[in-house]
């Protein structure tokens, strides 16, 4: 089901913004009143700002100032050379600088997939810039590392990350025949008709930007250099973790493991939803975000709700 607020990539209702963020050109789209509370939406792999096409207008219509950037390496944004340019430290620093460039001291930060990892890391490394944190099917980076050491099934699900470490070969294979393998991976991991032909066309155009696919894969190549020693890994902000429990890539246990790194977290488990839950269940996701980001967000610590609104049992390691 596609709500009326869904956008096309060329929708005239959007503002197009360009920022110089730490020497990198960052393209973003925006909507909502300029003086509204700021929400930054961070897309994952292999999307771009368009991954939030079901959320931008509904959030803006509630009075929020919504900014959805193409993160570095993606679509209309700059694509620095080298793996080191895509370390999580760099990606998080971009978000902190973007908040400042929008004229704000802090923002509510929402991320899905890789954008969720960046959101987690921004809350950890730049806590003064993140007022509240919401993540969709994305684990706390260090929680994920610890979890995979104990859960071989998740390690197998994540084995593609090892393949992406190989120089050049994944880039060539995923771009074959006009990015058919990458497109197929998205479509096969989602319910039917979640990605329509015009959506896939927009993604192919983004992937076709010079240097884009290598830059996108460099996010994965830089991840192995992430270190958590010597920093406070706890998330102090109020946190919402929304998880589709039929994610082919990420086990639900990662949500529970991530919540243990938070001072004040709530997990919402969306039953029978895939990794692409903001496309598949946009009304539910939007309602959860609006409830959390409104004036009176949920405050229960590490609680959990399922689709049936029944509280779940305590997390088990």
Protein backbone atom coordinates (compact mmCIF):
# COMPACT_ATOMS: atom_id res chain seq x y z
CA UNK A 1 0.00 0.00 0.00
CA UNK A 2 1.42 3.36 -1.02
CA UNK A 3 0.25 6.33 1.03
CA UNK A 4 -0.64 9.62 -0.60
CA UNK A 5 2.46 11.23 0.90
CA UNK A 6 4.85 9.09 -1.18
CA UNK A 7 7.23 11.03 -3.40
CA UNK A 8 8.89 10.56 -6.73
CA UNK A 9 12.54 11.49 -7.06
CA UNK A 10 11.68 14.65 -9.04
CA UNK A 11 8.78 15.77 -6.83
CA UNK A 12 8.43 19.58 -7.04
CA UNK A 13 7.22 19.80 -3.43
CA UNK A 14 10.78 19.27 -2.19
CA UNK A 15 13.44 21.87 -1.58
CA UNK A 16 16.84 21.01 -3.04
CA UNK A 17 19.76 21.99 -0.84
CA UNK A 18 23.53 21.97 -1.28
CA UNK A 19 25.96 22.10 1.64
CA UNK A 20 29.73 22.23 1.87
CA UNK A 21 30.22 19.80 4.75
CA UNK A 22 33.82 19.45 5.85
CA UNK A 23 35.02 19.97 2.29
CA UNK A 24 32.52 17.51 0.75
CA UNK A 25 29.52 18.62 -1.29
CA UNK A 26 26.36 17.22 0.29
CA UNK A 27 23.09 17.26 -1.60
CA UNK A 28 19.89 17.04 0.42
CA UNK A 29 16.16 17.46 0.05
CA UNK A 30 14.04 19.25 2.62
CA UNK A 31 10.42 19.91 3.48
CA UNK A 32 8.46 21.48 6.29
CA UNK A 33 8.57 24.85 8.01
CA UNK A 34 12.09 26.30 8.28
CA UNK A 35 11.58 26.98 11.99
CA UNK A 36 10.13 23.55 12.81
CA UNK A 37 11.97 21.01 14.98
CA UNK A 38 14.74 19.54 12.83
CA UNK A 39 14.71 15.88 11.82
CA UNK A 40 17.64 14.45 9.84
CA UNK A 41 16.82 11.27 7.91
CA UNK A 42 19.79 9.03 7.05
CA UNK A 43 19.38 6.46 4.29
CA UNK A 44 21.06 3.08 4.06
CA UNK A 45 22.69 0.94 1.36
CA UNK A 46 22.06 1.01 -1.55
CA UNK A 47 19.54 3.84 -1.35
CA UNK A 48 19.84 7.64 -1.23
CA UNK A 49 17.53 10.34 0.16
CA UNK A 50 14.72 8.69 -1.83
CA UNK A 51 14.71 5.85 0.70
CA UNK A 52 12.57 8.17 2.86
CA UNK A 53 10.00 8.97 0.17
CA UNK A 54 7.15 7.70 2.38
CA UNK A 55 8.26 9.65 5.45
CA UNK A 56 9.38 13.12 4.33
CA UNK A 57 6.00 14.72 3.66
CA UNK A 58 4.06 13.09 6.52
CA UNK A 59 6.70 14.32 9.00
CA UNK A 60 6.81 17.77 7.40
CA UNK A 61 3.03 18.05 7.51
CA UNK A 62 3.21 17.62 11.28
CA UNK A 63 5.37 20.73 11.55
CA UNK A 64 8.86 19.23 11.49
CA UNK A 65 11.69 20.59 9.39
CA UNK A 66 12.82 17.45 7.56
CA UNK A 67 16.23 17.23 5.90
CA UNK A 68 17.21 14.04 4.06
CA UNK A 69 20.77 14.13 2.71
CA UNK A 70 22.48 11.97 0.17
CA UNK A 71 25.30 10.86 2.43
CA UNK A 72 28.85 11.14 1.12
CA UNK A 73 29.47 8.76 -1.75
CA UNK A 74 25.82 8.59 -2.78
CA UNK A 75 23.83 10.06 -5.65
CA UNK A 76 24.21 13.86 -5.80
CA UNK A 77 26.78 14.21 -3.03
CA UNK A 78 30.56 14.28 -3.29
CA UNK A 79 32.52 11.05 -3.54
CA UNK A 80 35.94 11.39 -1.90
CA UNK A 81 38.62 8.93 -2.96
CA UNK A 82 39.85 6.16 -0.70
CA UNK A 83 38.37 3.86 1.90
CA UNK A 84 39.39 6.03 4.86
CA UNK A 85 37.01 8.77 3.73
CA UNK A 86 34.09 6.48 4.62
CA UNK A 87 35.04 5.53 8.16
CA UNK A 88 32.13 5.84 10.58
CA UNK A 89 33.97 8.68 12.32
CA UNK A 90 33.84 10.66 9.07
CA UNK A 91 30.21 9.82 8.38
CA UNK A 92 29.12 10.79 11.88
CA UNK A 93 31.09 14.03 11.71
CA UNK A 94 29.20 14.84 8.50
CA UNK A 95 25.88 14.53 10.32
CA UNK A 96 27.03 16.71 13.19
CA UNK A 97 28.25 19.35 10.73
CA UNK A 98 25.00 19.12 8.74
CA UNK A 99 22.99 19.91 11.87
CA UNK A 100 25.16 22.98 12.39
CA UNK A 101 24.82 23.95 8.72
CA UNK A 102 21.06 23.90 9.16
CA UNK A 103 21.48 26.52 11.87
CA UNK A 104 20.65 24.24 14.77
CA UNK A 105 22.42 23.11 17.91
CA UNK A 106 20.84 19.63 17.76
CA UNK A 107 18.36 17.53 15.82
CA UNK A 108 16.36 14.36 16.05
CA UNK A 109 18.31 11.83 13.97
CA UNK A 110 16.60 8.90 12.25
CA UNK A 111 18.49 6.22 10.33
CA UNK A 112 17.75 3.00 8.45
CA UNK A 113 20.25 0.24 7.64
CA UNK A 114 23.67 1.89 7.16
CA UNK A 115 22.08 5.23 7.98
CA UNK A 116 21.14 3.69 11.30
CA UNK A 117 24.76 2.78 12.04
CA UNK A 118 25.74 6.36 11.25
CA UNK A 119 22.93 7.61 13.51
CA UNK A 120 24.13 5.39 16.38
CA UNK A 121 27.71 6.59 15.94
CA UNK A 122 26.69 10.24 15.74
CA UNK A 123 24.82 9.90 19.02
CA UNK A 124 27.96 8.37 20.58
CA UNK A 125 30.63 10.64 19.12
CA UNK A 126 28.63 13.90 18.88
CA UNK A 127 25.99 13.58 21.60
CA UNK A 128 25.43 17.34 21.76
CA UNK A 129 24.10 17.27 18.17
CA UNK A 130 21.55 14.46 18.68
CA UNK A 131 18.46 15.30 20.69
CA UNK A 132 16.70 11.98 20.17
CA UNK A 133 17.67 8.89 18.18
CA UNK A 134 15.47 6.57 16.11
CA UNK A 135 16.84 3.61 14.16
CA UNK A 136 15.14 1.18 11.79
CA UNK A 137 16.68 -2.26 11.35
CA UNK A 138 20.18 -1.11 12.20
CA UNK A 139 22.27 -2.30 15.15
CA UNK A 140 24.58 -0.37 17.42
CA UNK A 141 27.93 -0.99 15.63
CA UNK A 142 29.78 -2.42 18.62
CA UNK A 143 26.76 -4.38 19.80
CA UNK A 144 26.63 -5.97 16.34
CA UNK A 145 30.28 -6.97 16.50
CA UNK A 146 29.86 -8.59 19.90
CA UNK A 147 26.62 -10.28 18.84
CA UNK A 148 28.15 -11.90 15.77
CA UNK A 149 30.88 -13.47 17.86
CA UNK A 150 28.20 -15.41 19.75
CA UNK A 151 25.65 -16.04 16.99
CA UNK A 152 26.95 -17.91 13.98
CA UNK A 153 23.65 -17.61 12.12
CA UNK A 154 24.02 -13.84 12.07
CA UNK A 155 27.63 -14.15 11.00
CA UNK A 156 26.48 -16.19 8.01
CA UNK A 157 23.79 -13.62 7.18
CA UNK A 158 26.50 -10.96 7.17
CA UNK A 159 28.95 -12.93 5.03
CA UNK A 160 28.36 -10.63 2.05
CA UNK A 161 30.29 -7.96 3.98
CA UNK A 162 33.39 -10.11 3.61
CA UNK A 163 32.83 -10.30 -0.14
CA UNK A 164 32.53 -6.52 -0.31
CA UNK A 165 36.04 -6.19 1.16
CA UNK A 166 37.56 -7.45 -2.11
CA UNK A 167 38.83 -4.54 -4.22
CA UNK A 168 37.07 -3.87 -7.55
CA UNK A 169 35.46 -7.31 -8.03
CA UNK A 170 32.17 -6.56 -6.17
CA UNK A 171 31.99 -3.21 -7.96
CA UNK A 172 32.17 -4.93 -11.35
CA UNK A 173 29.74 -7.71 -10.50
CA UNK A 174 27.05 -5.50 -8.96
CA UNK A 175 27.13 -3.07 -11.90
CA UNK A 176 26.74 -5.73 -14.60
CA UNK A 177 23.96 -5.29 -17.16
CA UNK A 178 22.93 -1.92 -15.78
CA UNK A 179 23.07 -2.90 -12.08
CA UNK A 180 20.78 -5.91 -12.47
CA UNK A 181 22.47 -7.88 -9.60
CA UNK A 182 22.10 -4.99 -7.16
CA UNK A 183 18.53 -4.31 -8.20
CA UNK A 184 17.70 -8.01 -7.90
CA UNK A 185 19.14 -8.17 -4.38
CA UNK A 186 16.82 -5.37 -3.27
CA UNK A 187 13.73 -6.79 -4.92
CA UNK A 188 14.26 -10.35 -3.68
CA UNK A 189 14.71 -9.22 -0.08
CA UNK A 190 11.43 -7.28 -0.07
CA UNK A 191 7.78 -8.27 -0.50
CA UNK A 192 6.36 -8.01 -4.04
CA UNK A 193 5.77 -4.54 -5.48
CA UNK A 194 7.56 -2.66 -2.70
CA UNK A 195 10.01 -1.33 -5.28
CA UNK A 196 8.06 -0.17 -8.33
CA UNK A 197 9.61 0.32 -11.80
CA UNK A 198 9.92 4.08 -11.36
CA UNK A 199 11.58 3.53 -7.95
CA UNK A 200 14.13 1.16 -9.43
CA UNK A 201 14.80 3.62 -12.25
CA UNK A 202 15.62 6.30 -9.67
CA UNK A 203 17.99 3.93 -7.86
CA UNK A 204 19.76 2.94 -11.09
CA UNK A 205 20.28 6.61 -11.93
CA UNK A 206 21.81 7.19 -8.49
CA UNK A 207 24.09 4.15 -8.78
CA UNK A 208 25.20 5.33 -12.22
CA UNK A 209 26.74 8.56 -10.90
CA UNK A 210 30.53 8.47 -11.53
CA UNK A 211 32.30 6.78 -8.66
CA UNK A 212 29.09 6.11 -6.72
CA UNK A 213 29.13 2.32 -6.46
CA UNK A 214 32.75 2.13 -5.33
CA UNK A 215 32.12 4.86 -2.77
CA UNK A 216 29.04 3.01 -1.49
CA UNK A 217 31.03 -0.20 -1.08
CA UNK A 218 33.83 1.70 0.62
CA UNK A 219 31.47 2.22 3.57
CA UNK A 220 31.70 -1.55 4.14
CA UNK A 221 35.45 -1.63 3.53
CA UNK A 222 36.02 1.04 6.16
CA UNK A 223 33.86 -0.71 8.76
CA UNK A 224 36.55 -3.24 9.62
CA UNK A 225 38.71 -0.34 10.83
CA UNK A 226 36.15 0.75 13.42
CA UNK A 227 37.46 0.71 16.99
CA UNK A 228 35.39 1.13 20.11
CA UNK A 229 38.17 1.35 22.67
CA UNK A 230 38.68 4.49 24.70
CA UNK A 231 35.24 6.00 24.08
CA UNK A 232 31.95 5.85 25.92
CA UNK A 233 29.80 3.54 23.80
CA UNK A 234 26.59 4.14 25.72
CA UNK A 235 23.78 6.11 24.10
CA UNK A 236 22.41 8.66 26.54
CA UNK A 237 19.64 10.05 24.34
CA UNK A 238 16.11 8.67 24.31
CA UNK A 239 16.18 5.99 21.64
CA UNK A 240 13.56 4.24 19.53
CA UNK A 241 14.51 0.99 17.80
CA UNK A 242 12.01 -0.15 15.15
CA UNK A 243 12.62 -3.61 13.71
CA UNK A 244 10.96 -5.64 10.98
CA UNK A 245 11.28 -9.20 12.24
CA UNK A 246 11.52 -10.81 8.79
CA UNK A 247 14.77 -9.08 7.91
CA UNK A 248 16.86 -11.43 5.77
CA UNK A 249 20.07 -9.70 6.78
CA UNK A 250 19.73 -8.89 10.48
CA UNK A 251 18.37 -11.01 13.32
CA UNK A 252 15.96 -9.46 15.80
CA UNK A 253 18.42 -10.28 18.58
CA UNK A 254 20.54 -7.40 17.32
CA UNK A 255 17.79 -4.99 18.37
CA UNK A 256 17.82 -6.39 21.89
CA UNK A 257 21.62 -6.34 22.04
CA UNK A 258 21.64 -2.71 20.88
CA UNK A 259 19.11 -1.62 23.50
CA UNK A 260 21.50 -2.78 26.22
CA UNK A 261 23.87 -0.01 25.16
CA UNK A 262 21.19 2.62 25.78
CA UNK A 263 20.15 4.49 28.90
CA UNK A 264 16.55 4.89 27.69
CA UNK A 265 15.48 2.72 24.75
CA UNK A 266 12.25 1.23 23.49
CA UNK A 267 12.02 -1.51 20.88
CA UNK A 268 9.06 -1.73 18.52
CA UNK A 269 8.96 -5.08 16.77
CA UNK A 270 6.93 -4.99 13.55
CA UNK A 271 5.84 -8.52 12.81
CA UNK A 272 6.05 -9.94 9.30
CA UNK A 273 7.92 -6.86 8.05
CA UNK A 274 11.11 -7.08 6.02
CA UNK A 275 14.35 -5.12 6.17
CA UNK A 276 12.63 -2.44 4.06
CA UNK A 277 9.95 -1.70 6.62
CA UNK A 278 9.73 2.06 5.98
CA UNK A 279 8.59 1.22 2.43
CA UNK A 280 6.55 -1.83 3.33
CA UNK A 281 4.76 -0.44 6.43
CA UNK A 282 5.03 3.33 5.96
CA UNK A 283 1.94 4.28 7.96
CA UNK A 284 3.04 2.21 10.93
CA UNK A 285 6.60 3.51 10.79
CA UNK A 286 5.40 7.11 10.45
CA UNK A 287 3.06 6.71 13.40
CA UNK A 288 5.85 5.31 15.57
CA UNK A 289 8.22 8.10 14.59
CA UNK A 290 5.63 10.81 15.20
CA UNK A 291 4.71 9.38 18.59
CA UNK A 292 8.35 9.23 19.59
CA UNK A 293 9.40 12.59 18.19
CA UNK A 294 6.35 14.47 19.45
CA UNK A 295 6.15 16.55 22.59
CA UNK A 296 5.53 13.56 24.85
CA UNK A 297 7.68 10.67 23.52
CA UNK A 298 7.59 7.21 25.18
CA UNK A 299 9.92 7.02 28.16
CA UNK A 300 9.90 3.35 29.16
CA UNK A 301 13.43 2.02 29.42
CA UNK A 302 14.29 -0.85 27.10
CA UNK A 303 10.62 -1.82 26.85
CA UNK A 304 9.26 -3.47 23.74
CA UNK A 305 6.02 -3.55 21.77
CA UNK A 306 5.03 -5.90 19.00
CA UNK A 307 2.36 -5.44 16.33
CA UNK A 308 -0.12 -6.90 18.75
CA UNK A 309 0.99 -4.29 21.35
CA UNK A 310 1.77 -7.04 23.81
CA UNK A 311 4.91 -6.44 25.90
CA UNK A 312 7.72 -8.83 25.09
CA UNK A 313 9.73 -10.76 27.60
CA UNK A 314 13.11 -9.44 28.73
CA UNK A 315 15.98 -9.67 26.30
CA UNK A 316 18.16 -12.73 26.52
CA UNK A 317 21.80 -12.85 25.51
